[in-house]
N, C-alpha and C. Protein backbone atom coordinates (compact mmCIF):
# COMPACT_ATOMS: atom_id res chain seq x y z
N MET A 1 0.82 -1.39 16.96
CA MET A 1 -0.71 -1.94 16.22
C MET A 1 -0.31 -2.75 15.20
N THR A 2 -1.16 -3.82 14.77
CA THR A 2 -0.72 -4.50 13.70
C THR A 2 -1.04 -3.63 12.19
N ARG A 3 -0.46 -4.33 11.22
CA ARG A 3 -1.19 -4.07 10.16
C ARG A 3 -2.38 -4.34 9.75
N LYS A 4 -2.81 -5.23 10.27
CA LYS A 4 -4.65 -5.37 9.75
C LYS A 4 -5.20 -4.31 10.60
N VAL A 5 -4.91 -4.16 11.79
CA VAL A 5 -5.48 -3.21 12.64
C VAL A 5 -5.58 -1.46 11.79
N ARG A 6 -4.31 -1.76 11.27
CA ARG A 6 -4.19 -0.39 10.77
C ARG A 6 -5.34 -0.04 9.45
N VAL A 7 -4.81 -1.41 8.93
CA VAL A 7 -5.81 -1.36 7.32
C VAL A 7 -7.33 -1.15 7.78
N GLN A 8 -7.66 -1.80 8.83
CA GLN A 8 -9.04 -1.81 9.28
C GLN A 8 -9.41 -0.32 9.60
N GLN A 9 -8.84 0.22 10.29
CA GLN A 9 -8.91 1.73 10.89
C GLN A 9 -9.16 2.43 9.45
N TYR A 10 -8.19 2.37 8.77
CA TYR A 10 -8.25 3.37 7.58
C TYR A 10 -9.65 3.12 6.68
N PHE A 11 -9.96 1.85 6.55
CA PHE A 11 -11.21 1.52 5.85
C PHE A 11 -12.45 1.70 6.50
N ASP A 12 -12.21 1.95 8.12
CA ASP A 12 -13.69 2.36 8.99
C ASP A 12 -13.55 3.90 8.93
N ASN A 13 -12.63 4.79 8.65
CA ASN A 13 -12.69 6.05 8.52
C ASN A 13 -12.43 7.08 7.32
N HIS A 14 -12.44 5.93 6.02
CA HIS A 14 -12.34 6.59 5.03
C HIS A 14 -13.33 6.08 3.76
N GLN A 15 -14.15 6.90 3.57
CA GLN A 15 -15.23 6.29 2.12
C GLN A 15 -14.93 6.24 0.90
N LEU A 16 -13.93 7.22 0.61
CA LEU A 16 -13.10 7.36 -0.76
C LEU A 16 -12.01 6.54 -0.25
N ARG A 17 -11.47 5.20 -0.70
CA ARG A 17 -10.41 4.34 -0.47
C ARG A 17 -9.23 4.66 -1.20
N ARG A 18 -7.94 4.89 -1.13
CA ARG A 18 -6.90 5.45 -2.09
C ARG A 18 -5.98 4.61 -1.61
N LEU A 19 -5.23 3.82 -2.54
CA LEU A 19 -3.68 3.05 -1.96
C LEU A 19 -2.74 4.02 -2.39
N GLN A 20 -1.64 4.14 -1.60
CA GLN A 20 -0.12 4.14 -2.48
C GLN A 20 1.11 3.01 -2.37
N LEU A 21 1.30 2.80 -3.16
CA LEU A 21 2.50 1.92 -3.10
C LEU A 21 3.76 2.80 -3.13
N GLY A 22 4.45 2.22 -2.48
CA GLY A 22 6.09 2.58 -2.62
C GLY A 22 5.76 3.93 -1.99
N ALA A 23 5.33 4.53 -0.91
CA ALA A 23 5.21 5.89 -0.07
C ALA A 23 6.79 6.39 0.26
N SER A 24 7.56 5.50 0.42
CA SER A 24 8.94 6.04 0.97
C SER A 24 8.71 7.00 1.91
N TYR A 25 9.56 8.02 1.69
CA TYR A 25 9.16 9.18 3.01
C TYR A 25 7.85 10.13 2.48
N ARG A 26 7.09 9.94 1.40
CA ARG A 26 6.34 11.05 1.18
C ARG A 26 4.61 10.08 1.26
N PRO A 27 4.27 9.82 2.59
CA PRO A 27 2.96 9.40 2.58
C PRO A 27 1.77 11.14 2.36
N LYS A 28 0.86 10.40 1.64
CA LYS A 28 -0.09 11.21 0.94
C LYS A 28 -1.31 11.05 2.37
N GLU A 29 -1.76 12.57 2.46
CA GLU A 29 -2.92 12.87 3.36
C GLU A 29 -4.21 11.92 2.80
N GLY A 30 -4.79 10.98 3.59
CA GLY A 30 -5.74 10.41 3.44
C GLY A 30 -6.06 9.15 2.08
N TRP A 31 -4.57 8.64 2.54
CA TRP A 31 -4.38 7.54 1.82
C TRP A 31 -3.71 6.62 2.22
N LEU A 32 -4.17 5.27 2.28
CA LEU A 32 -3.48 4.18 2.93
C LEU A 32 -1.90 3.92 2.07
N ASN A 33 -1.01 4.25 3.02
CA ASN A 33 0.39 4.52 2.61
C ASN A 33 1.21 3.26 2.54
N THR A 34 1.96 2.47 1.90
CA THR A 34 2.43 1.30 1.75
C THR A 34 3.91 1.41 1.29
N ASP A 35 4.48 0.40 1.73
CA ASP A 35 6.33 0.27 1.12
C ASP A 35 6.73 -0.76 1.94
N LEU A 36 7.42 -1.46 0.78
CA LEU A 36 8.45 -2.60 1.39
C LEU A 36 9.23 -2.71 2.58
N ILE A 37 9.92 -1.05 2.54
CA ILE A 37 10.44 -0.76 4.15
C ILE A 37 9.67 0.64 4.31
N PRO A 38 8.97 0.30 5.45
CA PRO A 38 8.03 1.61 5.81
C PRO A 38 9.49 2.58 6.42
N MET A 39 9.35 3.60 6.17
CA MET A 39 10.13 4.76 6.73
C MET A 39 9.73 5.63 7.61
N THR A 40 8.22 6.00 7.57
CA THR A 40 7.46 6.65 8.78
C THR A 40 6.37 5.84 9.22
N ALA A 41 6.17 6.36 10.46
CA ALA A 41 4.95 5.82 11.60
C ALA A 41 3.57 5.48 10.65
N ASP A 42 3.19 6.25 9.68
CA ASP A 42 2.06 6.21 8.89
C ASP A 42 2.44 5.84 7.41
N VAL A 43 3.14 4.46 7.25
CA VAL A 43 3.18 4.15 6.29
C VAL A 43 3.20 2.48 6.88
N ILE A 44 2.62 1.74 6.25
CA ILE A 44 2.45 0.31 6.29
C ILE A 44 2.94 -0.81 5.56
N TYR A 45 3.71 -1.73 5.94
CA TYR A 45 4.59 -2.82 4.80
C TYR A 45 3.52 -3.42 4.15
N LEU A 46 3.88 -3.57 2.52
CA LEU A 46 3.35 -4.13 1.74
C LEU A 46 4.36 -4.37 0.72
N ASP A 47 4.20 -5.92 0.09
CA ASP A 47 5.43 -6.32 -0.90
C ASP A 47 4.61 -6.29 -2.19
N ALA A 48 4.45 -5.22 -3.05
CA ALA A 48 4.01 -5.34 -3.89
C ALA A 48 4.46 -6.16 -5.31
N THR A 49 5.21 -7.23 -5.03
CA THR A 49 5.40 -8.03 -5.46
C THR A 49 4.55 -9.63 -5.24
N ARG A 50 3.71 -9.50 -4.35
CA ARG A 50 3.03 -10.51 -3.60
C ARG A 50 1.48 -10.16 -3.77
N ARG A 51 0.71 -11.19 -3.59
CA ARG A 51 -0.83 -10.98 -3.56
C ARG A 51 -1.06 -9.94 -2.36
N PHE A 52 -1.85 -8.88 -2.65
CA PHE A 52 -2.29 -8.09 -1.66
C PHE A 52 -3.09 -8.83 -0.67
N PRO A 53 -3.07 -8.11 0.59
CA PRO A 53 -3.99 -8.47 1.63
C PRO A 53 -5.05 -7.96 1.63
N PHE A 54 -5.74 -7.62 0.40
CA PHE A 54 -7.26 -7.02 0.48
C PHE A 54 -7.95 -7.60 -0.35
N THR A 55 -9.24 -7.53 -0.07
CA THR A 55 -10.45 -8.36 -1.05
C THR A 55 -10.49 -7.83 -2.67
N HIS A 56 -11.22 -7.84 -3.23
CA HIS A 56 -11.06 -7.20 -4.62
C HIS A 56 -12.16 -6.15 -4.31
N ASP A 57 -11.42 -4.95 -5.33
CA ASP A 57 -12.42 -3.94 -5.37
C ASP A 57 -12.57 -3.07 -4.16
N VAL A 58 -11.74 -2.98 -3.09
CA VAL A 58 -11.77 -2.15 -1.99
C VAL A 58 -11.34 -0.74 -2.26
N PHE A 59 -10.39 -0.67 -3.26
CA PHE A 59 -10.04 0.90 -3.31
C PHE A 59 -10.57 1.52 -4.74
N ASP A 60 -10.54 2.46 -4.25
CA ASP A 60 -11.25 3.52 -5.52
C ASP A 60 -10.05 3.97 -6.32
N TYR A 61 -8.78 4.19 -5.81
CA TYR A 61 -7.87 4.81 -6.73
C TYR A 61 -6.43 3.42 -5.91
N VAL A 62 -5.40 3.68 -7.00
CA VAL A 62 -4.03 3.13 -6.46
C VAL A 62 -3.28 4.17 -7.13
N TYR A 63 -2.14 4.44 -6.73
CA TYR A 63 -1.19 5.05 -6.81
C TYR A 63 0.15 4.85 -6.73
N CYS A 64 1.13 4.68 -7.85
CA CYS A 64 2.35 4.34 -7.27
C CYS A 64 3.38 5.98 -8.28
N GLU A 65 4.66 6.37 -7.59
CA GLU A 65 5.41 6.97 -8.52
C GLU A 65 6.93 6.74 -7.88
N HIS A 66 7.41 6.44 -9.24
CA HIS A 66 8.94 6.22 -8.94
C HIS A 66 9.14 4.68 -8.09
N MET A 67 8.09 3.70 -8.32
CA MET A 67 8.43 2.61 -7.42
C MET A 67 8.54 1.33 -8.29
N ILE A 68 7.60 1.60 -9.47
CA ILE A 68 7.72 0.44 -10.38
C ILE A 68 8.90 0.01 -11.18
N GLU A 69 9.92 0.57 -11.37
CA GLU A 69 10.95 0.36 -11.72
C GLU A 69 11.93 -0.61 -10.71
N HIS A 70 11.31 -0.58 -9.59
CA HIS A 70 12.46 -1.27 -8.38
C HIS A 70 11.84 -2.47 -8.56
N ILE A 71 11.01 -3.03 -9.22
CA ILE A 71 10.47 -4.65 -9.15
C ILE A 71 11.32 -5.09 -10.80
N SER A 72 11.74 -6.24 -10.31
CA SER A 72 12.68 -7.12 -11.34
C SER A 72 11.55 -7.41 -12.46
N TYR A 73 11.88 -7.52 -13.53
CA TYR A 73 11.37 -7.91 -14.68
C TYR A 73 10.90 -9.10 -14.61
N THR A 74 11.85 -9.98 -14.20
CA THR A 74 11.82 -11.65 -14.15
C THR A 74 11.15 -11.80 -12.53
N GLY A 75 10.75 -10.93 -11.77
CA GLY A 75 10.26 -11.29 -10.32
C GLY A 75 9.41 -12.05 -10.61
N PRO A 76 8.49 -12.15 -9.08
CA PRO A 76 7.75 -13.12 -8.69
C PRO A 76 6.35 -12.71 -9.71
N SER A 77 5.60 -14.05 -9.95
CA SER A 77 4.18 -13.92 -11.02
C SER A 77 3.41 -14.44 -10.08
N ARG A 78 2.89 -13.83 -8.96
CA ARG A 78 2.22 -14.83 -7.74
C ARG A 78 0.77 -14.09 -7.97
N CYS A 79 0.17 -13.75 -8.97
CA CYS A 79 -0.91 -13.31 -8.90
C CYS A 79 -2.26 -14.08 -9.32
């Protein structure tokens, strides 16, 4: 199943939309769990240093824990 299909399924099944960046081995129930290197089947690929493949204002919450320090200070600025 492609990332686009999985994202659409998430949107279709969740009224309250929550995005977790850098899920690693800790996906959260009811969240769209993402990571640069997905470690489990319920985590999808997302590079947090690039433009997100979502329209504006689609998530009610965005969460990341122990992830931001892995992004280079001088890294990409493609916003």
